[in-house]
Amino acid sequence: MGPLFCSVRKRMFEQARAELRGAHPEFEPEFADDGFCGGTVDAVLASFRRERELAERYGLRFDLSKTTLYLLAGESFQGDVCAFEQMGIRIVRGRDIQMLQVPVSGTQDFYSRWNQEKMDAFEKEFEAVENLRHSHVAFHILQQCLSFSKLSYICRTTPRAIIEPLLSWYGDQIHLCFSRILGRAIMDRQWV
C-alpha cells in the first residue's frame, strides 16, 4: 500500500507543478507521504491550493491538523499569512522547526519534547508486541520489524546529539521488551 500511495502522491504533485501559473516555490522535497514546500508566501500558497484541488481526484486528502507553516524570519516576518490561518494551518514563528518528521533546528526544550513524542509512540509498539499471544511471533517482530525503519531514518537525518536520549531509551526498552517476552530477566552481560 505504501509504494502505491507514494506513486499516486508523486503523480498528483507533478500535475500540480505542471498546472501552476505564476511563481513556483523554490524547493519542494518529498519523502513518502510527507512534503515540504519553500519559497515566497504567494508561491507556497498557490502550490498548496493546487495540490488540495487535485487531491480529491486522486483519492487523497490533506490532514490540515498536521500541516505547519514555518516562518523562518520568525517574529520579524511581515508577510500576510491569513490564508493559511483561515485553513486552520498551524503557524510557527520561531526556530523550532521539524521537517519530514525530524527536527531541523530548535531549542533544547523543543528537542526534548520531540524525543518524548517518539518515545511515547515507540512505547505503544513495544506494549503491543509484549501482549502478543505467541512469543515466537513477538520475538520475530521485535527482531525484524519494530520501528527499525523509522529509527534508521531518524539516525540518518538527525544529529546524534539531538537524538541521544531517544537512542539510549530505545536500547533499554528493546532489552526490557525481550525480557518480558521471554518471561525472565536478561542480565546485561547476557544481553551484550
Protein backbone atom coordinates (compact mmCIF):
# COMPACT_ATOMS: atom_id res chain seq x y z
CA MET A 1 0.00 0.00 0.00
CA GLY A 2 2.83 2.41 0.86
CA PRO A 3 4.51 2.37 -2.58
CA LEU A 4 1.14 2.73 -4.32
CA PHE A 5 0.28 5.76 -2.20
CA CYS A 6 3.69 7.33 -2.91
CA SER A 7 3.23 6.78 -6.65
CA VAL A 8 -0.19 8.44 -6.63
CA ARG A 9 1.14 11.31 -4.49
CA LYS A 10 4.08 11.84 -6.87
CA ARG A 11 1.81 11.91 -9.91
CA MET A 12 -0.51 14.42 -8.25
CA PHE A 13 2.47 16.57 -7.22
CA GLU A 14 3.85 16.55 -10.79
CA GLN A 15 0.46 17.51 -12.23
CA ALA A 16 0.10 20.34 -9.73
CA ARG A 17 3.53 21.71 -10.71
CA ALA A 18 2.75 21.47 -14.42
CA GLU A 19 -0.54 23.35 -13.99
CA LEU A 20 0.77 26.00 -11.61
CA ARG A 21 0.64 29.52 -13.01
CA GLY A 22 2.86 32.32 -11.76
CA ALA A 23 5.78 31.93 -9.39
CA HIS A 24 6.76 28.40 -8.43
CA PRO A 25 8.11 27.50 -4.99
CA GLU A 26 11.90 27.50 -4.77
CA PHE A 27 12.23 23.99 -3.34
CA GLU A 28 9.83 21.11 -2.72
CA PRO A 29 11.40 17.93 -1.38
CA GLU A 30 9.07 14.99 -0.78
CA PHE A 31 9.52 11.80 1.18
CA ALA A 32 6.85 9.08 1.18
CA ASP A 33 3.66 10.81 2.37
CA ASP A 34 5.44 13.93 3.60
CA GLY A 35 6.11 17.01 1.56
CA PHE A 36 7.79 20.31 2.07
CA CYS A 37 7.37 23.47 0.07
CA GLY A 38 9.54 26.57 0.45
CA GLY A 39 9.52 29.98 -1.15
CA THR A 40 7.52 33.18 -1.12
CA VAL A 41 4.15 33.20 0.59
CA ASP A 42 2.32 33.59 -2.72
CA ALA A 43 4.18 30.73 -4.44
CA VAL A 44 3.74 28.34 -1.50
CA LEU A 45 0.06 29.23 -1.14
CA ALA A 46 -0.64 28.76 -4.88
CA SER A 47 1.18 25.42 -4.87
CA PHE A 48 -0.66 24.20 -1.77
CA ARG A 49 -4.05 25.28 -3.12
CA ARG A 50 -3.44 23.48 -6.44
CA GLU A 51 -2.46 20.26 -4.67
CA ARG A 52 -5.57 20.46 -2.49
CA GLU A 53 -7.76 20.96 -5.57
CA LEU A 54 -6.25 17.88 -7.21
CA ALA A 55 -6.27 15.72 -4.08
CA GLU A 56 -9.91 14.66 -4.32
CA ARG A 57 -9.44 13.48 -7.92
CA TYR A 58 -6.54 11.33 -6.77
CA GLY A 59 -8.43 9.95 -3.79
CA LEU A 60 -6.22 11.76 -1.29
CA ARG A 61 -6.91 14.25 1.47
CA PHE A 62 -4.78 16.64 3.46
CA ASP A 63 -4.81 16.46 7.23
CA LEU A 64 -4.60 20.18 7.95
CA SER A 65 -4.12 19.48 11.67
CA LYS A 66 -0.70 18.07 10.72
CA THR A 67 0.17 20.84 8.28
CA THR A 68 2.57 23.51 9.50
CA LEU A 69 3.78 26.78 8.01
CA TYR A 70 7.24 27.71 9.28
CA LEU A 71 8.16 31.38 9.06
CA LEU A 72 11.94 31.26 9.05
CA ALA A 73 12.17 35.01 9.63
CA GLY A 74 10.40 34.43 12.96
CA GLU A 75 8.61 37.33 14.59
CA SER A 76 10.16 39.80 12.13
CA PHE A 77 8.20 38.26 9.23
CA GLN A 78 5.91 40.93 7.75
CA GLY A 79 4.03 38.95 5.05
CA ASP A 80 0.34 38.10 5.03
CA VAL A 81 -0.34 34.51 6.08
CA CYS A 82 -4.05 34.89 6.85
CA ALA A 83 -5.00 32.48 4.01
CA PHE A 84 -3.06 29.74 5.81
CA GLU A 85 -4.59 30.70 9.16
CA GLN A 86 -8.10 30.53 7.66
CA MET A 87 -7.42 26.92 6.58
CA GLY A 88 -6.52 26.05 10.18
CA ILE A 89 -2.84 25.52 9.41
CA ARG A 90 -0.52 25.82 12.39
CA ILE A 91 1.99 28.64 12.01
CA VAL A 92 5.36 28.54 13.74
CA ARG A 93 7.24 31.79 14.16
CA GLY A 94 10.49 30.70 15.66
CA ARG A 95 13.44 28.42 15.35
CA ASP A 96 11.74 25.16 16.44
CA ILE A 97 11.50 23.56 13.02
CA GLN A 98 10.65 19.98 12.13
CA MET A 99 10.68 18.81 8.52
CA LEU A 100 9.87 15.34 7.24
CA GLN A 101 9.28 14.26 10.86
CA VAL A 102 12.72 15.12 12.20
CA PRO A 103 13.99 18.25 13.97
CA VAL A 104 16.00 20.60 11.79
CA SER A 105 16.61 23.43 14.22
CA GLY A 106 15.37 24.42 17.62
CA THR A 107 15.75 24.94 21.30
CA GLN A 108 16.76 22.25 23.76
CA ASP A 109 13.18 22.19 25.05
CA PHE A 110 11.90 21.52 21.52
CA TYR A 111 14.37 18.64 21.09
CA SER A 112 13.32 17.19 24.46
CA ARG A 113 9.64 17.30 23.50
CA TRP A 114 10.40 15.71 20.12
CA ASN A 115 12.34 12.87 21.76
CA GLN A 116 9.50 12.30 24.24
CA GLU A 117 6.90 12.17 21.45
CA LYS A 118 8.94 9.50 19.64
CA MET A 119 9.40 7.54 22.88
CA ASP A 120 5.65 7.62 23.52
CA ALA A 121 4.93 6.32 20.00
CA PHE A 122 7.55 3.56 20.25
CA GLU A 123 6.30 2.62 23.73
CA LYS A 124 2.90 1.72 22.26
CA GLU A 125 4.61 -0.58 19.76
CA PHE A 126 6.65 -2.30 22.47
CA GLU A 127 3.49 -2.83 24.53
CA ALA A 128 1.66 -4.31 21.55
CA VAL A 129 4.50 -6.77 20.88
CA GLU A 130 4.71 -7.77 24.54
CA ASN A 131 0.98 -8.55 24.55
CA LEU A 132 1.05 -10.89 21.57
CA ARG A 133 -0.23 -14.35 22.40
CA HIS A 134 2.58 -16.28 20.69
CA SER A 135 6.08 -15.47 21.92
CA HIS A 136 7.76 -16.74 18.73
CA VAL A 137 5.76 -14.17 16.72
CA ALA A 138 6.64 -11.47 19.24
CA PHE A 139 10.36 -12.39 19.02
CA HIS A 140 10.24 -12.22 15.23
CA ILE A 141 8.53 -8.83 15.19
CA LEU A 142 10.88 -7.48 17.86
CA GLN A 143 13.94 -8.70 15.96
CA GLN A 144 12.91 -7.88 12.38
CA CYS A 145 10.32 -5.14 12.35
CA LEU A 146 9.65 -2.97 15.36
CA SER A 147 10.18 0.57 14.06
CA PHE A 148 13.71 -0.12 12.85
CA SER A 149 12.98 1.67 9.60
CA LYS A 150 11.76 4.75 11.49
CA LEU A 151 14.72 4.64 13.83
CA SER A 152 17.12 4.17 10.93
CA TYR A 153 15.62 7.19 9.15
CA ILE A 154 15.92 9.28 12.32
CA CYS A 155 19.57 8.23 12.72
CA ARG A 156 20.36 9.13 9.10
CA THR A 157 18.73 12.54 9.23
CA THR A 158 19.28 13.90 12.74
CA PRO A 159 22.48 14.81 14.59
CA ARG A 160 23.26 12.21 17.26
CA ALA A 161 23.50 14.86 19.98
CA ILE A 162 19.80 15.66 19.44
CA ILE A 163 18.57 12.05 19.44
CA GLU A 164 20.89 10.57 22.08
CA PRO A 165 18.08 10.41 24.70
CA LEU A 166 15.86 8.52 22.24
CA LEU A 167 18.59 6.06 21.26
CA SER A 168 19.55 5.33 24.86
CA TRP A 169 15.91 4.83 25.84
CA TYR A 170 15.23 2.64 22.80
CA GLY A 171 18.17 0.37 23.64
CA ASP A 172 16.89 -0.07 27.20
CA GLN A 173 13.33 -0.68 26.01
CA ILE A 174 14.22 -3.35 23.48
CA HIS A 175 16.18 -5.18 26.21
CA LEU A 176 13.23 -4.90 28.61
CA CYS A 177 10.72 -5.99 25.96
CA PHE A 178 12.82 -9.05 25.08
CA SER A 179 12.97 -9.97 28.78
CA ARG A 180 9.21 -9.64 29.17
CA ILE A 181 8.50 -11.79 26.12
CA LEU A 182 10.92 -14.40 27.41
CA GLY A 183 9.35 -14.25 30.86
CA ARG A 184 12.64 -13.76 32.69
CA ALA A 185 15.14 -11.01 33.26
CA ILE A 186 18.07 -10.90 30.85
CA MET A 187 21.20 -9.69 32.63
CA ASP A 188 23.30 -7.00 30.98
CA ARG A 189 26.20 -9.43 30.42
CA GLN A 190 23.81 -11.80 28.61
CA TRP A 191 22.36 -9.00 26.54
CA VAL A 192 25.64 -7.66 25.19
